[in-house]
Amino acid sequence: MLVLSRKKGEAIMIGSEIELTVLEVTADGVKLGISAPKEVGILRKELFIAIADTNKEARMPALSLTELKKQFQDPRRNG
């Protein structure tokens, strides 16, 4: 991990197209401005993780393949 110190109004470049600028520093946190091409997705990390977790859950079957086969073989078990 690269650690940099920046003051209000100072910036860093990520590659040649992404610029992070320190807009404000307070006791509660730091406000950053990000300039990047439209095709670059920018999300807060906690939101990125929440979306990734939701996508993982959506890919998981509610029933195992064995359980699903049993339900189709014996329709009386389905309800």
PDB file of N, CA and C in Angstrom:
ATOM      1  N   MET A   1       0.849  -1.172   0.000  1.00  0.00           N
ATOM      2  CA  MET A   1       0.000   0.000   0.000  1.00  0.00           C
ATOM      3  C   MET A   1       0.898   1.240   0.000  1.00  0.00           C
ATOM      4  N   LEU A   2       0.605   2.145  -0.873  1.00  0.00           N
ATOM      5  CA  LEU A   2       1.307   3.429  -0.923  1.00  0.00           C
ATOM      6  C   LEU A   2       0.594   4.405   0.002  1.00  0.00           C
ATOM      7  N   VAL A   3       1.319   5.050   0.886  1.00  0.00           N
ATOM      8  CA  VAL A   3       0.737   6.025   1.813  1.00  0.00           C
ATOM      9  C   VAL A   3       1.313   7.393   1.473  1.00  0.00           C
ATOM     10  N   LEU A   4       0.416   8.362   1.229  1.00  0.00           N
ATOM     11  CA  LEU A   4       0.831   9.721   0.879  1.00  0.00           C
ATOM     12  C   LEU A   4       0.197  10.723   1.835  1.00  0.00           C
ATOM     13  N   SER A   5       0.886  11.795   2.074  1.00  0.00           N
ATOM     14  CA  SER A   5       0.313  12.907   2.836  1.00  0.00           C
ATOM     15  C   SER A   5      -0.041  14.012   1.849  1.00  0.00           C
ATOM     16  N   ARG A   6      -1.239  14.547   1.964  1.00  0.00           N
ATOM     17  CA  ARG A   6      -1.698  15.635   1.107  1.00  0.00           C
ATOM     18  C   ARG A   6      -2.425  16.645   1.967  1.00  0.00           C
ATOM     19  N   LYS A   7      -2.353  17.886   1.590  1.00  0.00           N
ATOM     20  CA  LYS A   7      -3.069  18.960   2.273  1.00  0.00           C
ATOM     21  C   LYS A   7      -4.251  19.388   1.418  1.00  0.00           C
ATOM     22  N   LYS A   8      -5.140  20.180   2.019  1.00  0.00           N
ATOM     23  CA  LYS A   8      -6.298  20.693   1.296  1.00  0.00           C
ATOM     24  C   LYS A   8      -5.841  21.356  -0.002  1.00  0.00           C
ATOM     25  N   GLY A   9      -6.497  20.991  -1.096  1.00  0.00           N
ATOM     26  CA  GLY A   9      -6.175  21.551  -2.402  1.00  0.00           C
ATOM     27  C   GLY A   9      -5.130  20.758  -3.173  1.00  0.00           C
ATOM     28  N   GLU A  10      -4.425  19.861  -2.511  1.00  0.00           N
ATOM     29  CA  GLU A  10      -3.421  19.052  -3.193  1.00  0.00           C
ATOM     30  C   GLU A  10      -4.068  17.791  -3.773  1.00  0.00           C
ATOM     31  N   ALA A  11      -3.405  17.200  -4.752  1.00  0.00           N
ATOM     32  CA  ALA A  11      -3.991  16.059  -5.463  1.00  0.00           C
ATOM     33  C   ALA A  11      -2.940  14.991  -5.713  1.00  0.00           C
ATOM     34  N   ILE A  12      -3.427  13.817  -6.076  1.00  0.00           N
ATOM     35  CA  ILE A  12      -2.568  12.745  -6.571  1.00  0.00           C
ATOM     36  C   ILE A  12      -3.174  12.225  -7.872  1.00  0.00           C
ATOM     37  N   MET A  13      -2.342  11.664  -8.711  1.00  0.00           N
ATOM     38  CA  MET A  13      -2.795  11.081  -9.976  1.00  0.00           C
ATOM     39  C   MET A  13      -2.679   9.563  -9.894  1.00  0.00           C
ATOM     40  N   ILE A  14      -3.679   8.880 -10.408  1.00  0.00           N
ATOM     41  CA  ILE A  14      -3.649   7.423 -10.551  1.00  0.00           C
ATOM     42  C   ILE A  14      -3.670   7.171 -12.043  1.00  0.00           C
ATOM     43  N   GLY A  15      -2.561   6.702 -12.569  1.00  0.00           N
ATOM     44  CA  GLY A  15      -2.431   6.626 -14.011  1.00  0.00           C
ATOM     45  C   GLY A  15      -2.431   8.034 -14.570  1.00  0.00           C
ATOM     46  N   SER A  16      -2.866   8.173 -15.819  1.00  0.00           N
ATOM     47  CA  SER A  16      -2.879   9.497 -16.430  1.00  0.00           C
ATOM     48  C   SER A  16      -4.281  10.098 -16.503  1.00  0.00           C
ATOM     49  N   GLU A  17      -5.303   9.350 -16.027  1.00  0.00           N
ATOM     50  CA  GLU A  17      -6.679   9.822 -16.199  1.00  0.00           C
ATOM     51  C   GLU A  17      -7.473   9.986 -14.908  1.00  0.00           C
ATOM     52  N   ILE A  18      -6.939   9.557 -13.771  1.00  0.00           N
ATOM     53  CA  ILE A  18      -7.699   9.629 -12.517  1.00  0.00           C
ATOM     54  C   ILE A  18      -6.962  10.549 -11.550  1.00  0.00           C
ATOM     55  N   GLU A  19      -7.682  11.564 -11.081  1.00  0.00           N
ATOM     56  CA  GLU A  19      -7.104  12.535 -10.156  1.00  0.00           C
ATOM     57  C   GLU A  19      -7.921  12.565  -8.871  1.00  0.00           C
ATOM     58  N   LEU A  20      -7.248  12.413  -7.725  1.00  0.00           N
ATOM     59  CA  LEU A  20      -7.868  12.534  -6.403  1.00  0.00           C
ATOM     60  C   LEU A  20      -7.398  13.836  -5.788  1.00  0.00           C
ATOM     61  N   THR A  21      -8.349  14.675  -5.393  1.00  0.00           N
ATOM     62  CA  THR A  21      -8.021  15.969  -4.800  1.00  0.00           C
ATOM     63  C   THR A  21      -8.598  16.052  -3.398  1.00  0.00           C
ATOM     64  N   VAL A  22      -7.807  16.507  -2.441  1.00  0.00           N
ATOM     65  CA  VAL A  22      -8.286  16.729  -1.082  1.00  0.00           C
ATOM     66  C   VAL A  22      -9.064  18.042  -1.093  1.00  0.00           C
ATOM     67  N   LEU A  23     -10.370  17.959  -0.831  1.00  0.00           N
ATOM     68  CA  LEU A  23     -11.219  19.147  -0.853  1.00  0.00           C
ATOM     69  C   LEU A  23     -11.364  19.786   0.523  1.00  0.00           C
ATOM     70  N   GLU A  24     -11.411  18.941   1.552  1.00  0.00           N
ATOM     71  CA  GLU A  24     -11.651  19.462   2.898  1.00  0.00           C
ATOM     72  C   GLU A  24     -11.129  18.459   3.916  1.00  0.00           C
ATOM     73  N   VAL A  25     -10.564  18.965   5.000  1.00  0.00           N
ATOM     74  CA  VAL A  25     -10.113  18.122   6.105  1.00  0.00           C
ATOM     75  C   VAL A  25     -10.764  18.657   7.373  1.00  0.00           C
ATOM     76  N   THR A  26     -11.497  17.783   8.074  1.00  0.00           N
ATOM     77  CA  THR A  26     -12.146  18.170   9.327  1.00  0.00           C
ATOM     78  C   THR A  26     -11.813  17.125  10.386  1.00  0.00           C
ATOM     79  N   ALA A  27     -12.292  17.359  11.599  1.00  0.00           N
ATOM     80  CA  ALA A  27     -12.082  16.387  12.671  1.00  0.00           C
ATOM     81  C   ALA A  27     -12.811  15.078  12.380  1.00  0.00           C
ATOM     82  N   ASP A  28     -13.895  15.155  11.605  1.00  0.00           N
ATOM     83  CA  ASP A  28     -14.696  13.968  11.304  1.00  0.00           C
ATOM     84  C   ASP A  28     -14.180  13.169  10.116  1.00  0.00           C
ATOM     85  N   GLY A  29     -13.368  13.770   9.256  1.00  0.00           N
ATOM     86  CA  GLY A  29     -12.895  13.028   8.102  1.00  0.00           C
ATOM     87  C   GLY A  29     -12.322  13.918   7.032  1.00  0.00           C
ATOM     88  N   VAL A  30     -12.144  13.321   5.887  1.00  0.00           N
ATOM     89  CA  VAL A  30     -11.553  13.994   4.734  1.00  0.00           C
ATOM     90  C   VAL A  30     -12.546  13.910   3.579  1.00  0.00           C
ATOM     91  N   LYS A  31     -12.735  15.014   2.884  1.00  0.00           N
ATOM     92  CA  LYS A  31     -13.597  15.024   1.704  1.00  0.00           C
ATOM     93  C   LYS A  31     -12.680  15.014   0.481  1.00  0.00           C
ATOM     94  N   LEU A  32     -12.896  14.005  -0.392  1.00  0.00           N
ATOM     95  CA  LEU A  32     -12.081  13.853  -1.583  1.00  0.00           C
ATOM     96  C   LEU A  32     -12.905  14.136  -2.828  1.00  0.00           C
ATOM     97  N   GLY A  33     -12.278  14.725  -3.823  1.00  0.00           N
ATOM     98  CA  GLY A  33     -12.877  14.880  -5.138  1.00  0.00           C
ATOM     99  C   GLY A  33     -12.167  13.929  -6.090  1.00  0.00           C
ATOM    100  N   ILE A  34     -12.931  13.256  -6.941  1.00  0.00           N
ATOM    101  CA  ILE A  34     -12.351  12.288  -7.875  1.00  0.00           C
ATOM    102  C   ILE A  34     -12.734  12.680  -9.292  1.00  0.00           C
ATOM    103  N   SER A  35     -11.733  12.873 -10.130  1.00  0.00           N
ATOM    104  CA  SER A  35     -11.966  13.121 -11.553  1.00  0.00           C
ATOM    105  C   SER A  35     -11.493  11.888 -12.305  1.00  0.00           C
ATOM    106  N   ALA A  36     -12.418  11.257 -13.037  1.00  0.00           N
ATOM    107  CA  ALA A  36     -12.085  10.036 -13.762  1.00  0.00           C
ATOM    108  C   ALA A  36     -12.982   9.925 -14.989  1.00  0.00           C
ATOM    109  N   PRO A  37     -12.562   9.151 -15.986  1.00  0.00           N
ATOM    110  CA  PRO A  37     -13.415   8.933 -17.157  1.00  0.00           C
ATOM    111  C   PRO A  37     -14.741   8.273 -16.747  1.00  0.00           C
ATOM    112  N   LYS A  38     -15.789   8.509 -17.524  1.00  0.00           N
ATOM    113  CA  LYS A  38     -17.112   7.966 -17.208  1.00  0.00           C
ATOM    114  C   LYS A  38     -17.126   6.451 -17.111  1.00  0.00           C
ATOM    115  N   GLU A  39     -16.270   5.781 -17.869  1.00  0.00           N
ATOM    116  CA  GLU A  39     -16.286   4.313 -17.875  1.00  0.00           C
ATOM    117  C   GLU A  39     -15.628   3.702 -16.636  1.00  0.00           C
ATOM    118  N   VAL A  40     -15.010   4.527 -15.792  1.00  0.00           N
ATOM    119  CA  VAL A  40     -14.392   4.040 -14.561  1.00  0.00           C
ATOM    120  C   VAL A  40     -15.436   4.083 -13.454  1.00  0.00           C
ATOM    121  N   GLY A  41     -15.758   2.917 -12.908  1.00  0.00           N
ATOM    122  CA  GLY A  41     -16.727   2.854 -11.813  1.00  0.00           C
ATOM    123  C   GLY A  41     -16.092   3.310 -10.511  1.00  0.00           C
ATOM    124  N   ILE A  42     -16.805   4.130  -9.749  1.00  0.00           N
ATOM    125  CA  ILE A  42     -16.305   4.617  -8.470  1.00  0.00           C
ATOM    126  C   ILE A  42     -17.386   4.364  -7.423  1.00  0.00           C
ATOM    127  N   LEU A  43     -17.046   3.551  -6.414  1.00  0.00           N
ATOM    128  CA  LEU A  43     -17.969   3.236  -5.326  1.00  0.00           C
ATOM    129  C   LEU A  43     -17.230   3.321  -3.999  1.00  0.00           C
ATOM    130  N   ARG A  44     -17.960   3.670  -2.946  1.00  0.00           N
ATOM    131  CA  ARG A  44     -17.397   3.535  -1.603  1.00  0.00           C
ATOM    132  C   ARG A  44     -17.152   2.049  -1.363  1.00  0.00           C
ATOM    133  N   LYS A  45     -16.100   1.708  -0.640  1.00  0.00           N
ATOM    134  CA  LYS A  45     -15.735   0.304  -0.455  1.00  0.00           C
ATOM    135  C   LYS A  45     -16.859  -0.501   0.192  1.00  0.00           C
ATOM    136  N   GLU A  46     -17.531   0.070   1.216  1.00  0.00           N
ATOM    137  CA  GLU A  46     -18.595  -0.685   1.881  1.00  0.00           C
ATOM    138  C   GLU A  46     -19.742  -1.004   0.926  1.00  0.00           C
ATOM    139  N   LEU A  47     -20.036  -0.109  -0.016  1.00  0.00           N
ATOM    140  CA  LEU A  47     -21.071  -0.368  -1.008  1.00  0.00           C
ATOM    141  C   LEU A  47     -20.602  -1.418  -2.008  1.00  0.00           C
ATOM    142  N   PHE A  48     -19.345  -1.347  -2.421  1.00  0.00           N
ATOM    143  CA  PHE A  48     -18.766  -2.333  -3.324  1.00  0.00           C
ATOM    144  C   PHE A  48     -18.858  -3.736  -2.710  1.00  0.00           C
ATOM    145  N   ILE A  49     -18.517  -3.863  -1.426  1.00  0.00           N
ATOM    146  CA  ILE A  49     -18.572  -5.153  -0.745  1.00  0.00           C
ATOM    147  C   ILE A  49     -20.013  -5.641  -0.628  1.00  0.00           C
ATOM    148  N   ALA A  50     -20.945  -4.754  -0.307  1.00  0.00           N
ATOM    149  CA  ALA A  50     -22.354  -5.139  -0.184  1.00  0.00           C
ATOM    150  C   ALA A  50     -22.894  -5.654  -1.511  1.00  0.00           C
ATOM    151  N   ILE A  51     -22.547  -5.001  -2.605  1.00  0.00           N
ATOM    152  CA  ILE A  51     -23.006  -5.443  -3.925  1.00  0.00           C
ATOM    153  C   ILE A  51     -22.386  -6.794  -4.272  1.00  0.00           C
ATOM    154  N   ALA A  52     -21.089  -6.960  -3.985  1.00  0.00           N
ATOM    155  CA  ALA A  52     -20.420  -8.237  -4.262  1.00  0.00           C
ATOM    156  C   ALA A  52     -21.062  -9.365  -3.463  1.00  0.00           C
ATOM    157  N   ASP A  53     -21.376  -9.116  -2.190  1.00  0.00           N
ATOM    158  CA  ASP A  53     -22.021 -10.135  -1.356  1.00  0.00           C
ATOM    159  C   ASP A  53     -23.403 -10.493  -1.893  1.00  0.00           C
ATOM    160  N   THR A  54     -24.166  -9.495  -2.300  1.00  0.00           N
ATOM    161  CA  THR A  54     -25.496  -9.735  -2.870  1.00  0.00           C
ATOM    162  C   THR A  54     -25.395 -10.563  -4.146  1.00  0.00           C
ATOM    163  N   ASN A  55     -24.417 -10.247  -4.985  1.00  0.00           N
ATOM    164  CA  ASN A  55     -24.235 -11.017  -6.220  1.00  0.00           C
ATOM    165  C   ASN A  55     -23.853 -12.459  -5.927  1.00  0.00           C
ATOM    166  N   LYS A  56     -23.018 -12.690  -4.915  1.00  0.00           N
ATOM    167  CA  LYS A  56     -22.645 -14.059  -4.532  1.00  0.00           C
ATOM    168  C   LYS A  56     -23.876 -14.836  -4.081  1.00  0.00           C
ATOM    169  N   GLU A  57     -24.704 -14.210  -3.254  1.00  0.00           N
ATOM    170  CA  GLU A  57     -25.916 -14.865  -2.761  1.00  0.00           C
ATOM    171  C   GLU A  57     -26.874 -15.188  -3.901  1.00  0.00           C
ATOM    172  N   ALA A  58     -26.970 -14.304  -4.875  1.00  0.00           N
ATOM    173  CA  ALA A  58     -27.884 -14.518  -6.003  1.00  0.00           C
ATOM    174  C   ALA A  58     -27.445 -15.698  -6.863  1.00  0.00           C
ATOM    175  N   ARG A  59     -26.144 -15.967  -6.892  1.00  0.00           N
ATOM    176  CA  ARG A  59     -25.645 -17.093  -7.688  1.00  0.00           C
ATOM    177  C   ARG A  59     -25.832 -18.427  -6.994  1.00  0.00           C
ATOM    178  N   MET A  60     -26.049 -18.419  -5.678  1.00  0.00           N
ATOM    179  CA  MET A  60     -26.206 -19.663  -4.932  1.00  0.00           C
ATOM    180  C   MET A  60     -27.623 -20.195  -5.086  1.00  0.00           C
ATOM    181  N   PRO A  61     -27.742 -21.479  -5.428  1.00  0.00           N
ATOM    182  CA  PRO A  61     -29.100 -22.045  -5.530  1.00  0.00           C
ATOM    183  C   PRO A  61     -29.728 -22.171  -4.147  1.00  0.00           C
ATOM    184  N   ALA A  62     -31.032 -21.962  -4.085  1.00  0.00           N
ATOM    185  CA  ALA A  62     -31.745 -22.086  -2.817  1.00  0.00           C
ATOM    186  C   ALA A  62     -31.772 -23.551  -2.374  1.00  0.00           C
ATOM    187  N   LEU A  63     -31.824 -24.473  -3.336  1.00  0.00           N
ATOM    188  CA  LEU A  63     -31.830 -25.909  -3.059  1.00  0.00           C
ATOM    189  C   LEU A  63     -30.622 -26.549  -3.719  1.00  0.00           C
ATOM    190  N   SER A  64     -30.153 -27.625  -3.131  1.00  0.00           N
ATOM    191  CA  SER A  64     -29.074 -28.363  -3.781  1.00  0.00           C
ATOM    192  C   SER A  64     -29.668 -29.084  -4.991  1.00  0.00           C
ATOM    193  N   LEU A  65     -28.830 -29.501  -5.905  1.00  0.00           N
ATOM    194  CA  LEU A  65     -29.294 -30.216  -7.095  1.00  0.00           C
ATOM    195  C   LEU A  65     -30.001 -31.502  -6.692  1.00  0.00           C
ATOM    196  N   THR A  66     -29.505 -32.187  -5.681  1.00  0.00           N
ATOM    197  CA  THR A  66     -30.132 -33.423  -5.204  1.00  0.00           C
ATOM    198  C   THR A  66     -31.533 -33.153  -4.676  1.00  0.00           C
ATOM    199  N   GLU A  67     -31.681 -32.096  -3.871  1.00  0.00           N
ATOM    200  CA  GLU A  67     -33.003 -31.748  -3.336  1.00  0.00           C
ATOM    201  C   GLU A  67     -33.975 -31.376  -4.445  1.00  0.00           C
ATOM    202  N   LEU A  68     -33.483 -30.652  -5.429  1.00  0.00           N
ATOM    203  CA  LEU A  68     -34.325 -30.245  -6.547  1.00  0.00           C
ATOM    204  C   LEU A  68     -34.792 -31.454  -7.353  1.00  0.00           C
ATOM    205  N   LYS A  69     -33.900 -32.405  -7.593  1.00  0.00           N
ATOM    206  CA  LYS A  69     -34.266 -33.632  -8.316  1.00  0.00           C
ATOM    207  C   LYS A  69     -35.329 -34.415  -7.555  1.00  0.00           C
ATOM    208  N   LYS A  70     -35.198 -34.494  -6.224  1.00  0.00           N
ATOM    209  CA  LYS A  70     -36.175 -35.214  -5.408  1.00  0.00           C
ATOM    210  C   LYS A  70     -37.556 -34.588  -5.540  1.00  0.00           C
ATOM    211  N   GLN A  71     -37.627 -33.268  -5.565  1.00  0.00           N
ATOM    212  CA  GLN A  71     -38.920 -32.596  -5.686  1.00  0.00           C
ATOM    213  C   GLN A  71     -39.575 -32.881  -7.031  1.00  0.00           C
ATOM    214  N   PHE A  72     -38.787 -32.972  -8.099  1.00  0.00           N
ATOM    215  CA  PHE A  72     -39.355 -33.254  -9.403  1.00  0.00           C
ATOM    216  C   PHE A  72     -39.733 -34.720  -9.546  1.00  0.00           C
ATOM    217  N   GLN A  73     -39.058 -35.620  -8.840  1.00  0.00           N
ATOM    218  CA  GLN A  73     -39.369 -37.045  -8.909  1.00  0.00           C
ATOM    219  C   GLN A  73     -40.616 -37.376  -8.113  1.00  0.00           C
ATOM    220  N   ASP A  74     -40.858 -36.692  -7.000  1.00  0.00           N
ATOM    221  CA  ASP A  74     -42.005 -36.967  -6.135  1.00  0.00           C
ATOM    222  C   ASP A  74     -42.736 -35.650  -5.868  1.00  0.00           C
ATOM    223  N   PRO A  75     -43.696 -35.293  -6.741  1.00  0.00           N
ATOM    224  CA  PRO A  75     -44.382 -34.002  -6.602  1.00  0.00           C
ATOM    225  C   PRO A  75     -45.118 -33.846  -5.267  1.00  0.00           C
ATOM    226  N   ARG A  76     -45.448 -34.962  -4.583  1.00  0.00           N
ATOM    227  CA  ARG A  76     -46.150 -34.863  -3.290  1.00  0.00           C
ATOM    228  C   ARG A  76     -45.259 -34.228  -2.226  1.00  0.00           C
ATOM    229  N   ARG A  77     -43.930 -34.271  -2.388  1.00  0.00           N
ATOM    230  CA  ARG A  77     -43.007 -33.707  -1.403  1.00  0.00           C
ATOM    231  C   ARG A  77     -42.989 -32.180  -1.484  1.00  0.00           C
ATOM    232  N   ASN A  78     -43.519 -31.639  -2.566  1.00  0.00           N
ATOM    233  CA  ASN A  78     -43.454 -30.207  -2.802  1.00  0.00           C
ATOM    234  C   ASN A  78     -44.597 -29.440  -2.137  1.00  0.00           C
ATOM    235  N   GLY A  79     -45.397 -30.067  -1.365  1.00  0.00           N
ATOM    236  CA  GLY A  79     -46.367 -29.221  -0.737  1.00  0.00           C
ATOM    237  C   GLY A  79     -47.592 -29.898  -0.329  1.00  0.00           C
TER     238      GLY A  79
END
